[in-house]
Amino acid sequence: MVQTVSNRFSVVVLMIGTLLVGACDGAREAIGIGKQAPDEFAVVTRLPLSIPPDFGLRPPRPGADRPQEATVTDSVRDLIIKTADPKASDRSVSTESLGESAILSKAGATNPDPNIRREINRESSILATENDSFADRLIFWQGQPEPGTIVDAKAETKRLRENAAIGDAPTKGRTPKIVRKPKGWLEGIFN
């Protein structure tokens, strides 16, 4: 009988102690139960960290301005004036390190294939013919649409630059459009 009373007493003391500790905010945060959300109005944009190409740099001083970030006045000036060169305010170093150039040369990225566009077009046309569905083969009397529309890149670039110089919208003029034929009333049932 003495053991059951002491067991009950220890269980009650343990439960009361758990409730008291759980009620404390400091204990909740220490355990990880309490959570503080960040202040979304105090978020500051920062450039991502990058490894400098030269490891002989001086270590940063605590509290000093970050050299890769533009000051507030520079940011405001760029927003108001809209510099012609978008990279004018970029202060990051864009040279390749020896490791990057070694990886690029091992991957074969230093000598790109001049006929890559022809290869991609060939592979795309193979994919377009492989993707014929069973329903398309059943409807043999209808002509198959072309897999894509070819756009003359030089003429399109010239047209867009002319529109930008005049101040017209980019969609003004002869622009490529996707025109779909209207479906029949039974076509949507089986597709």
N, C-alpha and C. Protein backbone atom coordinates (compact mmCIF):
# COMPACT_ATOMS: atom_id res chain seq x y z
N MET A 1 0.81 -1.19 0.00
CA MET A 1 0.00 0.00 0.00
C MET A 1 0.85 1.26 0.00
N VAL A 2 1.98 1.18 0.68
CA VAL A 2 2.87 2.33 0.73
C VAL A 2 3.48 2.59 -0.64
N GLN A 3 3.75 1.50 -1.39
CA GLN A 3 4.34 1.69 -2.71
C GLN A 3 3.33 2.30 -3.68
N THR A 4 2.10 1.94 -3.64
CA THR A 4 1.11 2.52 -4.54
C THR A 4 0.88 3.99 -4.24
N VAL A 5 0.93 4.37 -2.97
CA VAL A 5 0.77 5.78 -2.62
C VAL A 5 1.98 6.57 -3.11
N SER A 6 3.18 6.02 -2.93
CA SER A 6 4.38 6.73 -3.39
C SER A 6 4.44 6.76 -4.91
N ASN A 7 3.98 5.71 -5.59
CA ASN A 7 3.93 5.71 -7.05
C ASN A 7 2.94 6.75 -7.55
N ARG A 8 1.77 6.81 -6.92
CA ARG A 8 0.78 7.81 -7.32
C ARG A 8 1.29 9.22 -7.05
N PHE A 9 1.94 9.39 -5.92
CA PHE A 9 2.48 10.70 -5.57
C PHE A 9 3.56 11.13 -6.57
N SER A 10 4.44 10.22 -6.96
CA SER A 10 5.49 10.56 -7.92
C SER A 10 4.91 10.86 -9.30
N VAL A 11 3.86 10.15 -9.69
CA VAL A 11 3.22 10.41 -10.98
C VAL A 11 2.55 11.77 -10.96
N VAL A 12 1.88 12.12 -9.88
CA VAL A 12 1.22 13.42 -9.76
C VAL A 12 2.25 14.53 -9.77
N VAL A 13 3.35 14.37 -9.04
CA VAL A 13 4.41 15.39 -9.00
C VAL A 13 5.03 15.54 -10.39
N LEU A 14 5.24 14.44 -11.08
CA LEU A 14 5.81 14.50 -12.43
C LEU A 14 4.86 15.21 -13.39
N MET A 15 3.56 14.96 -13.30
CA MET A 15 2.60 15.63 -14.18
C MET A 15 2.52 17.12 -13.88
N ILE A 16 2.51 17.49 -12.61
CA ILE A 16 2.47 18.91 -12.25
C ILE A 16 3.74 19.61 -12.71
N GLY A 17 4.88 18.96 -12.53
CA GLY A 17 6.15 19.54 -12.99
C GLY A 17 6.17 19.73 -14.49
N THR A 18 5.65 18.77 -15.23
CA THR A 18 5.58 18.88 -16.69
C THR A 18 4.69 20.04 -17.11
N LEU A 19 3.56 20.20 -16.47
CA LEU A 19 2.66 21.31 -16.79
C LEU A 19 3.29 22.65 -16.47
N LEU A 20 3.99 22.75 -15.34
CA LEU A 20 4.64 24.01 -14.98
C LEU A 20 5.74 24.38 -15.96
N VAL A 21 6.55 23.40 -16.33
CA VAL A 21 7.64 23.68 -17.28
C VAL A 21 7.07 23.98 -18.66
N GLY A 22 6.00 23.30 -19.05
CA GLY A 22 5.39 23.55 -20.36
C GLY A 22 4.73 24.90 -20.45
N ALA A 23 4.35 25.47 -19.32
CA ALA A 23 3.69 26.77 -19.33
C ALA A 23 4.67 27.91 -19.50
N CYS A 24 5.92 27.68 -19.25
CA CYS A 24 6.92 28.75 -19.36
C CYS A 24 7.28 28.97 -20.83
N ASP A 25 7.30 30.24 -21.25
CA ASP A 25 7.66 30.54 -22.63
C ASP A 25 9.12 30.24 -22.91
N GLY A 26 9.97 30.54 -21.95
CA GLY A 26 11.39 30.28 -22.15
C GLY A 26 11.67 28.80 -22.33
N ALA A 27 10.99 27.97 -21.58
CA ALA A 27 11.17 26.52 -21.72
C ALA A 27 10.62 26.04 -23.05
N ARG A 28 9.51 26.62 -23.48
CA ARG A 28 8.94 26.23 -24.78
C ARG A 28 9.92 26.53 -25.92
N GLU A 29 10.52 27.71 -25.87
CA GLU A 29 11.47 28.06 -26.93
C GLU A 29 12.72 27.21 -26.84
N ALA A 30 13.16 26.88 -25.62
CA ALA A 30 14.35 26.05 -25.46
C ALA A 30 14.10 24.64 -25.99
N ILE A 31 12.91 24.13 -25.78
CA ILE A 31 12.57 22.79 -26.26
C ILE A 31 12.33 22.81 -27.76
N GLY A 32 11.87 23.93 -28.29
CA GLY A 32 11.58 24.04 -29.72
C GLY A 32 10.12 24.01 -30.03
N ILE A 33 9.27 24.12 -29.01
CA ILE A 33 7.83 24.13 -29.24
C ILE A 33 7.38 25.50 -29.73
N GLY A 34 7.89 26.56 -29.10
CA GLY A 34 7.52 27.92 -29.51
C GLY A 34 8.25 28.30 -30.79
N LYS A 35 7.60 29.07 -31.64
CA LYS A 35 8.21 29.43 -32.91
C LYS A 35 7.94 30.90 -33.18
N GLN A 36 8.97 31.62 -33.57
CA GLN A 36 8.80 33.03 -33.91
C GLN A 36 8.92 33.18 -35.42
N ALA A 37 7.89 33.73 -36.02
CA ALA A 37 7.91 33.96 -37.46
C ALA A 37 8.76 35.19 -37.75
N PRO A 38 9.46 35.20 -38.88
CA PRO A 38 10.25 36.38 -39.22
C PRO A 38 9.35 37.55 -39.56
N ASP A 39 9.85 38.74 -39.33
CA ASP A 39 9.10 39.95 -39.66
C ASP A 39 9.20 40.16 -41.16
N GLU A 40 8.10 39.95 -41.88
CA GLU A 40 8.17 40.03 -43.34
C GLU A 40 8.38 41.44 -43.85
N PHE A 41 8.19 42.44 -42.99
CA PHE A 41 8.41 43.81 -43.43
C PHE A 41 9.85 44.24 -43.23
N ALA A 42 10.62 43.47 -42.49
CA ALA A 42 12.01 43.82 -42.23
C ALA A 42 12.96 42.98 -43.06
N VAL A 43 12.47 42.30 -44.10
CA VAL A 43 13.32 41.46 -44.93
C VAL A 43 14.14 42.35 -45.85
N VAL A 44 15.44 42.08 -45.91
CA VAL A 44 16.35 42.86 -46.74
C VAL A 44 16.87 41.94 -47.84
N THR A 45 16.84 42.42 -49.07
CA THR A 45 17.37 41.60 -50.16
C THR A 45 18.88 41.65 -50.12
N ARG A 46 19.49 40.50 -50.26
CA ARG A 46 20.94 40.40 -50.28
C ARG A 46 21.34 39.54 -51.47
N LEU A 47 22.46 39.89 -52.04
CA LEU A 47 22.98 39.11 -53.14
C LEU A 47 23.45 37.76 -52.62
N PRO A 48 23.39 36.71 -53.43
CA PRO A 48 23.84 35.40 -52.96
C PRO A 48 25.35 35.39 -52.74
N LEU A 49 25.76 34.54 -51.83
CA LEU A 49 27.18 34.42 -51.55
C LEU A 49 27.86 33.70 -52.71
N SER A 50 29.08 34.10 -53.00
CA SER A 50 29.83 33.43 -54.04
C SER A 50 31.28 33.31 -53.59
N ILE A 51 31.96 32.32 -54.13
CA ILE A 51 33.37 32.11 -53.79
C ILE A 51 34.19 33.06 -54.64
N PRO A 52 35.01 33.89 -54.03
CA PRO A 52 35.82 34.81 -54.82
C PRO A 52 36.89 34.05 -55.58
N PRO A 53 37.26 34.52 -56.78
CA PRO A 53 38.29 33.81 -57.54
C PRO A 53 39.67 33.92 -56.91
N ASP A 54 39.89 34.94 -56.10
CA ASP A 54 41.19 35.13 -55.46
C ASP A 54 40.99 34.97 -53.96
N PHE A 55 41.64 33.96 -53.39
CA PHE A 55 41.47 33.69 -51.97
C PHE A 55 42.40 34.54 -51.11
N GLY A 56 43.16 35.43 -51.70
CA GLY A 56 44.05 36.31 -50.94
C GLY A 56 43.36 37.58 -50.49
N LEU A 57 42.05 37.62 -50.49
CA LEU A 57 41.32 38.82 -50.10
C LEU A 57 41.39 39.01 -48.59
N ARG A 58 41.27 40.26 -48.19
CA ARG A 58 41.22 40.55 -46.75
C ARG A 58 39.88 40.10 -46.20
N PRO A 59 39.86 39.63 -44.97
CA PRO A 59 38.57 39.23 -44.39
C PRO A 59 37.69 40.46 -44.17
N PRO A 60 36.38 40.30 -44.26
CA PRO A 60 35.49 41.45 -44.09
C PRO A 60 35.49 41.96 -42.66
N ARG A 61 35.24 43.27 -42.55
CA ARG A 61 35.14 43.88 -41.22
C ARG A 61 33.69 43.82 -40.77
N PRO A 62 33.44 43.45 -39.53
CA PRO A 62 32.06 43.41 -39.05
C PRO A 62 31.43 44.80 -39.08
N GLY A 63 30.24 44.87 -39.64
CA GLY A 63 29.50 46.13 -39.69
C GLY A 63 29.81 46.96 -40.92
N ALA A 64 30.81 46.58 -41.71
CA ALA A 64 31.15 47.36 -42.91
C ALA A 64 30.16 47.03 -44.03
N ASP A 65 30.03 47.97 -44.98
CA ASP A 65 29.14 47.75 -46.11
C ASP A 65 29.66 46.61 -46.97
N ARG A 66 28.73 45.87 -47.55
CA ARG A 66 29.12 44.77 -48.43
C ARG A 66 29.50 45.36 -49.79
N PRO A 67 30.67 45.02 -50.33
CA PRO A 67 31.12 45.66 -51.58
C PRO A 67 30.31 45.26 -52.81
N GLN A 68 29.70 44.07 -52.82
CA GLN A 68 28.96 43.66 -54.00
C GLN A 68 27.56 44.23 -54.06
N GLU A 69 27.10 44.86 -52.99
CA GLU A 69 25.76 45.43 -52.98
C GLU A 69 25.84 46.93 -53.29
N ALA A 70 24.89 47.37 -54.07
CA ALA A 70 24.80 48.79 -54.37
C ALA A 70 24.18 49.50 -53.17
N THR A 71 24.54 50.75 -53.00
CA THR A 71 23.95 51.52 -51.91
C THR A 71 22.51 51.87 -52.27
N VAL A 72 21.78 52.37 -51.29
CA VAL A 72 20.38 52.72 -51.52
C VAL A 72 20.28 53.85 -52.55
N THR A 73 21.19 54.81 -52.47
CA THR A 73 21.14 55.92 -53.43
C THR A 73 21.43 55.43 -54.85
N ASP A 74 22.36 54.47 -55.01
CA ASP A 74 22.62 53.92 -56.34
C ASP A 74 21.41 53.17 -56.87
N SER A 75 20.75 52.41 -56.01
CA SER A 75 19.56 51.66 -56.43
C SER A 75 18.45 52.60 -56.86
N VAL A 76 18.22 53.66 -56.09
CA VAL A 76 17.18 54.62 -56.43
C VAL A 76 17.53 55.35 -57.72
N ARG A 77 18.80 55.72 -57.88
CA ARG A 77 19.23 56.41 -59.09
C ARG A 77 19.01 55.50 -60.31
N ASP A 78 19.34 54.20 -60.19
CA ASP A 78 19.13 53.28 -61.30
C ASP A 78 17.65 53.12 -61.63
N LEU A 79 16.80 53.13 -60.60
CA LEU A 79 15.36 53.01 -60.85
C LEU A 79 14.81 54.24 -61.56
N ILE A 80 15.28 55.41 -61.16
CA ILE A 80 14.74 56.65 -61.73
C ILE A 80 15.31 56.91 -63.12
N ILE A 81 16.61 56.77 -63.28
CA ILE A 81 17.27 57.15 -64.53
C ILE A 81 17.19 56.04 -65.57
N LYS A 82 17.12 54.78 -65.17
CA LYS A 82 17.10 53.64 -66.09
C LYS A 82 18.31 53.69 -67.02
N THR A 83 19.44 53.26 -66.52
CA THR A 83 20.66 53.28 -67.32
C THR A 83 20.50 52.39 -68.54
N ALA A 84 21.19 52.75 -69.62
CA ALA A 84 21.10 51.98 -70.86
C ALA A 84 21.74 50.61 -70.71
N ASP A 85 22.80 50.53 -69.91
CA ASP A 85 23.48 49.27 -69.69
C ASP A 85 22.95 48.65 -68.40
N PRO A 86 22.21 47.54 -68.47
CA PRO A 86 21.66 46.96 -67.23
C PRO A 86 22.74 46.41 -66.32
N LYS A 87 23.92 46.15 -66.84
CA LYS A 87 25.00 45.60 -66.03
C LYS A 87 25.87 46.70 -65.43
N ALA A 88 25.49 47.97 -65.60
CA ALA A 88 26.32 49.06 -65.12
C ALA A 88 26.43 49.06 -63.60
N SER A 89 25.38 48.67 -62.92
CA SER A 89 25.43 48.68 -61.46
C SER A 89 25.88 47.35 -60.88
N ASP A 90 26.17 46.37 -61.73
CA ASP A 90 26.61 45.07 -61.24
C ASP A 90 28.07 45.16 -60.84
N ARG A 91 28.34 44.80 -59.59
CA ARG A 91 29.71 44.92 -59.09
C ARG A 91 30.35 43.57 -58.86
N SER A 92 29.79 42.51 -59.40
CA SER A 92 30.35 41.19 -59.19
C SER A 92 31.40 40.90 -60.26
N VAL A 93 32.34 40.03 -59.93
CA VAL A 93 33.40 39.65 -60.84
C VAL A 93 32.91 38.49 -61.68
N SER A 94 33.09 38.58 -63.01
CA SER A 94 32.54 37.56 -63.88
C SER A 94 33.62 36.74 -64.58
N THR A 95 34.84 36.73 -64.07
CA THR A 95 35.88 35.94 -64.70
C THR A 95 35.78 34.50 -64.24
N GLU A 96 36.19 33.59 -65.11
CA GLU A 96 36.14 32.17 -64.77
C GLU A 96 37.38 31.80 -63.97
N SER A 97 37.21 30.93 -63.02
CA SER A 97 38.35 30.42 -62.28
C SER A 97 38.95 29.25 -63.05
N LEU A 98 40.10 28.77 -62.60
CA LEU A 98 40.73 27.64 -63.26
C LEU A 98 39.87 26.38 -63.15
N GLY A 99 39.21 26.22 -62.01
CA GLY A 99 38.34 25.05 -61.82
C GLY A 99 37.16 25.08 -62.77
N GLU A 100 36.54 26.26 -62.94
CA GLU A 100 35.40 26.38 -63.84
C GLU A 100 35.81 26.09 -65.28
N SER A 101 36.94 26.65 -65.70
CA SER A 101 37.38 26.42 -67.08
C SER A 101 37.76 24.96 -67.29
N ALA A 102 38.32 24.29 -66.26
CA ALA A 102 38.64 22.86 -66.40
C ALA A 102 37.37 22.04 -66.54
N ILE A 103 36.34 22.36 -65.75
CA ILE A 103 35.07 21.63 -65.85
C ILE A 103 34.43 21.86 -67.21
N LEU A 104 34.45 23.11 -67.69
CA LEU A 104 33.86 23.40 -68.99
C LEU A 104 34.59 22.68 -70.12
N SER A 105 35.93 22.61 -70.04
CA SER A 105 36.67 21.93 -71.09
C SER A 105 36.44 20.42 -71.04
N LYS A 106 36.34 19.84 -69.83
CA LYS A 106 36.06 18.40 -69.71
C LYS A 106 34.66 18.07 -70.23
N ALA A 107 33.71 18.99 -70.03
CA ALA A 107 32.34 18.76 -70.49
C ALA A 107 32.18 19.03 -71.98
N GLY A 108 33.19 19.63 -72.60
CA GLY A 108 33.09 19.94 -74.02
C GLY A 108 32.31 21.20 -74.31
N ALA A 109 32.19 22.08 -73.32
CA ALA A 109 31.40 23.30 -73.50
C ALA A 109 32.22 24.43 -74.09
N THR A 110 33.53 24.26 -74.23
CA THR A 110 34.34 25.35 -74.78
C THR A 110 34.26 25.39 -76.30
N ASN A 111 33.97 24.26 -76.94
CA ASN A 111 33.84 24.21 -78.40
C ASN A 111 32.43 23.76 -78.76
N PRO A 112 31.47 24.69 -78.82
CA PRO A 112 30.10 24.28 -79.12
C PRO A 112 29.97 23.83 -80.58
N ASP A 113 29.04 22.92 -80.81
CA ASP A 113 28.79 22.40 -82.14
C ASP A 113 28.09 23.47 -82.97
N PRO A 114 28.66 23.87 -84.12
CA PRO A 114 28.00 24.90 -84.93
C PRO A 114 26.71 24.41 -85.58
N ASN A 115 26.52 23.11 -85.69
CA ASN A 115 25.31 22.56 -86.32
C ASN A 115 24.29 22.10 -85.28
N ILE A 116 24.32 22.69 -84.10
CA ILE A 116 23.43 22.23 -83.03
C ILE A 116 21.96 22.48 -83.38
N ARG A 117 21.66 23.57 -84.07
CA ARG A 117 20.28 23.87 -84.43
C ARG A 117 19.73 22.80 -85.38
N ARG A 118 20.54 22.37 -86.34
CA ARG A 118 20.11 21.34 -87.27
C ARG A 118 19.87 20.02 -86.53
N GLU A 119 20.74 19.69 -85.57
CA GLU A 119 20.58 18.46 -84.79
C GLU A 119 19.30 18.50 -83.95
N ILE A 120 19.03 19.64 -83.33
CA ILE A 120 17.82 19.77 -82.52
C ILE A 120 16.57 19.66 -83.39
N ASN A 121 16.59 20.28 -84.55
CA ASN A 121 15.44 20.19 -85.46
C ASN A 121 15.21 18.75 -85.91
N ARG A 122 16.30 18.01 -86.18
CA ARG A 122 16.17 16.62 -86.59
C ARG A 122 15.56 15.78 -85.47
N GLU A 123 16.06 15.97 -84.24
CA GLU A 123 15.53 15.21 -83.11
C GLU A 123 14.07 15.59 -82.82
N SER A 124 13.74 16.86 -82.98
CA SER A 124 12.36 17.29 -82.73
C SER A 124 11.40 16.70 -83.75
N SER A 125 11.84 16.61 -85.01
CA SER A 125 10.96 16.03 -86.03
C SER A 125 10.76 14.53 -85.77
N ILE A 126 11.80 13.85 -85.26
CA ILE A 126 11.64 12.44 -84.91
C ILE A 126 10.63 12.29 -83.78
N LEU A 127 10.72 13.16 -82.77
CA LEU A 127 9.77 13.11 -81.66
C LEU A 127 8.35 13.41 -82.12
N ALA A 128 8.21 14.32 -83.07
CA ALA A 128 6.87 14.67 -83.55
C ALA A 128 6.23 13.49 -84.26
N THR A 129 7.01 12.71 -85.00
CA THR A 129 6.43 11.55 -85.69
C THR A 129 6.20 10.39 -84.72
N GLU A 130 7.01 10.27 -83.67
CA GLU A 130 6.82 9.19 -82.70
C GLU A 130 5.59 9.42 -81.82
N ASN A 131 5.18 10.67 -81.65
CA ASN A 131 4.08 10.99 -80.76
C ASN A 131 2.71 10.89 -81.42
N ASP A 132 2.63 10.28 -82.59
CA ASP A 132 1.33 10.08 -83.22
C ASP A 132 0.51 9.14 -82.36
N SER A 133 -0.69 9.55 -82.05
CA SER A 133 -1.54 8.73 -81.20
C SER A 133 -2.37 7.77 -82.05
N PHE A 134 -2.98 6.82 -81.39
CA PHE A 134 -3.83 5.83 -82.06
C PHE A 134 -5.02 6.51 -82.73
N ALA A 135 -5.57 7.51 -82.07
CA ALA A 135 -6.71 8.23 -82.64
C ALA A 135 -6.31 8.97 -83.91
N ASP A 136 -5.09 9.51 -83.95
CA ASP A 136 -4.63 10.20 -85.15
C ASP A 136 -4.49 9.22 -86.32
N ARG A 137 -4.07 8.00 -86.04
CA ARG A 137 -3.95 7.00 -87.10
C ARG A 137 -5.32 6.52 -87.58
N LEU A 138 -6.31 6.52 -86.69
CA LEU A 138 -7.66 6.13 -87.10
C LEU A 138 -8.29 7.16 -88.03
N ILE A 139 -7.98 8.43 -87.79
CA ILE A 139 -8.53 9.50 -88.62
C ILE A 139 -7.53 9.78 -89.74
N PHE A 140 -7.37 8.82 -90.64
CA PHE A 140 -6.34 8.91 -91.68
C PHE A 140 -6.69 9.90 -92.77
N TRP A 141 -7.98 10.24 -92.94
CA TRP A 141 -8.37 11.13 -94.02
C TRP A 141 -8.07 12.59 -93.73
N GLN A 142 -7.78 12.91 -92.47
CA GLN A 142 -7.42 14.29 -92.15
C GLN A 142 -5.91 14.45 -92.25
N GLY A 143 -5.48 15.55 -92.82
CA GLY A 143 -4.05 15.81 -92.92
C GLY A 143 -3.45 16.13 -91.55
N GLN A 144 -2.24 15.71 -91.34
CA GLN A 144 -1.57 15.96 -90.07
C GLN A 144 -1.01 17.39 -90.07
N PRO A 145 -1.20 18.14 -88.99
CA PRO A 145 -0.65 19.49 -88.95
C PRO A 145 0.87 19.46 -88.81
N GLU A 146 1.49 20.51 -89.25
CA GLU A 146 2.95 20.62 -89.12
C GLU A 146 3.31 20.68 -87.64
N PRO A 147 4.46 20.11 -87.24
CA PRO A 147 4.81 20.11 -85.82
C PRO A 147 5.11 21.49 -85.26
N GLY A 148 5.40 22.45 -86.09
CA GLY A 148 5.67 23.79 -85.57
C GLY A 148 5.78 24.80 -86.69
N THR A 149 5.75 26.06 -86.35
CA THR A 149 5.88 27.13 -87.32
C THR A 149 7.30 27.66 -87.25
N ILE A 150 7.93 27.78 -88.40
CA ILE A 150 9.29 28.29 -88.44
C ILE A 150 9.23 29.81 -88.51
N VAL A 151 9.95 30.46 -87.61
CA VAL A 151 10.00 31.91 -87.55
C VAL A 151 11.39 32.34 -87.98
N ASP A 152 11.46 33.30 -88.91
CA ASP A 152 12.75 33.83 -89.34
C ASP A 152 13.27 34.74 -88.22
N ALA A 153 14.32 34.31 -87.56
CA ALA A 153 14.81 35.02 -86.38
C ALA A 153 15.33 36.41 -86.74
N LYS A 154 16.03 36.54 -87.86
CA LYS A 154 16.59 37.84 -88.23
C LYS A 154 15.49 38.85 -88.56
N ALA A 155 14.50 38.40 -89.33
CA ALA A 155 13.40 39.30 -89.69
C ALA A 155 12.58 39.67 -88.46
N GLU A 156 12.37 38.71 -87.56
CA GLU A 156 11.59 38.99 -86.35
C GLU A 156 12.34 39.95 -85.44
N THR A 157 13.65 39.79 -85.31
CA THR A 157 14.45 40.71 -84.50
C THR A 157 14.43 42.11 -85.10
N LYS A 158 14.52 42.19 -86.42
CA LYS A 158 14.47 43.50 -87.10
C LYS A 158 13.13 44.17 -86.85
N ARG A 159 12.03 43.40 -86.96
CA ARG A 159 10.70 43.96 -86.75
C ARG A 159 10.53 44.45 -85.31
N LEU A 160 11.01 43.67 -84.35
CA LEU A 160 10.90 44.07 -82.94
C LEU A 160 11.72 45.32 -82.65
N ARG A 161 12.91 45.41 -83.23
CA ARG A 161 13.75 46.61 -83.01
C ARG A 161 13.11 47.85 -83.64
N GLU A 162 12.53 47.68 -84.83
CA GLU A 162 11.85 48.81 -85.47
C GLU A 162 10.66 49.27 -84.63
N ASN A 163 9.89 48.33 -84.10
CA ASN A 163 8.76 48.70 -83.25
C ASN A 163 9.23 49.40 -81.99
N ALA A 164 10.34 48.94 -81.41
CA ALA A 164 10.86 49.57 -80.20
C ALA A 164 11.37 50.97 -80.49
N ALA A 165 12.00 51.16 -81.66
CA ALA A 165 12.52 52.48 -82.02
C ALA A 165 11.39 53.47 -82.26
N ILE A 166 10.32 53.01 -82.88
CA ILE A 166 9.18 53.89 -83.15
C ILE A 166 8.36 54.12 -81.90
N GLY A 167 8.37 53.15 -81.01
CA GLY A 167 7.57 53.25 -79.79
C GLY A 167 6.28 52.46 -79.88
N ASP A 168 6.18 51.60 -80.90
CA ASP A 168 4.98 50.77 -81.05
C ASP A 168 5.06 49.55 -80.15
N ALA A 169 3.93 48.90 -80.00
CA ALA A 169 3.87 47.66 -79.22
C ALA A 169 4.58 46.54 -79.98
N PRO A 170 5.18 45.58 -79.28
CA PRO A 170 5.87 44.49 -79.97
C PRO A 170 4.93 43.62 -80.81
N THR A 171 3.65 43.64 -80.51
CA THR A 171 2.70 42.82 -81.26
C THR A 171 2.19 43.50 -82.52
N LYS A 172 2.57 44.74 -82.76
CA LYS A 172 2.11 45.45 -83.95
C LYS A 172 2.87 44.94 -85.17
N GLY A 173 2.17 44.75 -86.25
CA GLY A 173 2.79 44.24 -87.46
C GLY A 173 2.45 42.77 -87.65
N ARG A 174 3.18 42.13 -88.53
CA ARG A 174 2.92 40.72 -88.84
C ARG A 174 3.64 39.86 -87.81
N THR A 175 2.90 39.40 -86.83
CA THR A 175 3.47 38.57 -85.77
C THR A 175 3.00 37.13 -85.94
N PRO A 176 3.85 36.18 -85.57
CA PRO A 176 3.42 34.78 -85.66
C PRO A 176 2.30 34.48 -84.67
N LYS A 177 1.28 33.80 -85.14
CA LYS A 177 0.13 33.49 -84.29
C LYS A 177 -0.20 32.01 -84.43
N ILE A 178 -0.69 31.44 -83.35
CA ILE A 178 -1.16 30.06 -83.38
C ILE A 178 -2.66 30.10 -83.66
N VAL A 179 -3.05 29.53 -84.77
CA VAL A 179 -4.47 29.51 -85.15
C VAL A 179 -4.92 28.06 -85.11
N ARG A 180 -5.85 27.77 -84.26
CA ARG A 180 -6.38 26.41 -84.14
C ARG A 180 -7.70 26.32 -84.90
N LYS A 181 -7.86 25.21 -85.60
CA LYS A 181 -9.13 25.04 -86.32
C LYS A 181 -10.21 24.63 -85.34
N PRO A 182 -11.43 25.03 -85.59
CA PRO A 182 -12.51 24.65 -84.67
C PRO A 182 -12.74 23.15 -84.71
N LYS A 183 -12.97 22.57 -83.54
CA LYS A 183 -13.20 21.12 -83.46
C LYS A 183 -14.65 20.80 -83.80
N GLY A 184 -14.84 19.61 -84.30
CA GLY A 184 -16.18 19.12 -84.56
C GLY A 184 -16.86 18.75 -83.25
N TRP A 185 -18.16 18.51 -83.31
CA TRP A 185 -18.90 18.26 -82.08
C TRP A 185 -18.61 16.90 -81.48
N LEU A 186 -18.04 15.95 -82.22
CA LEU A 186 -17.66 14.64 -81.67
C LEU A 186 -16.16 14.53 -81.38
N GLU A 187 -15.38 15.50 -81.82
CA GLU A 187 -13.93 15.40 -81.66
C GLU A 187 -13.48 15.44 -80.21
N GLY A 188 -14.13 16.20 -79.37
CA GLY A 188 -13.71 16.32 -77.98
C GLY A 188 -14.03 15.10 -77.13
N ILE A 189 -14.87 14.20 -77.63
CA ILE A 189 -15.29 13.04 -76.84
C ILE A 189 -14.17 12.01 -76.74
N PHE A 190 -13.49 11.73 -77.83
CA PHE A 190 -12.51 10.64 -77.86
C PHE A 190 -11.09 11.11 -77.62
N ASN A 191 -10.83 12.39 -77.57
CA ASN A 191 -9.46 12.89 -77.37
C ASN A 191 -9.27 13.28 -75.94
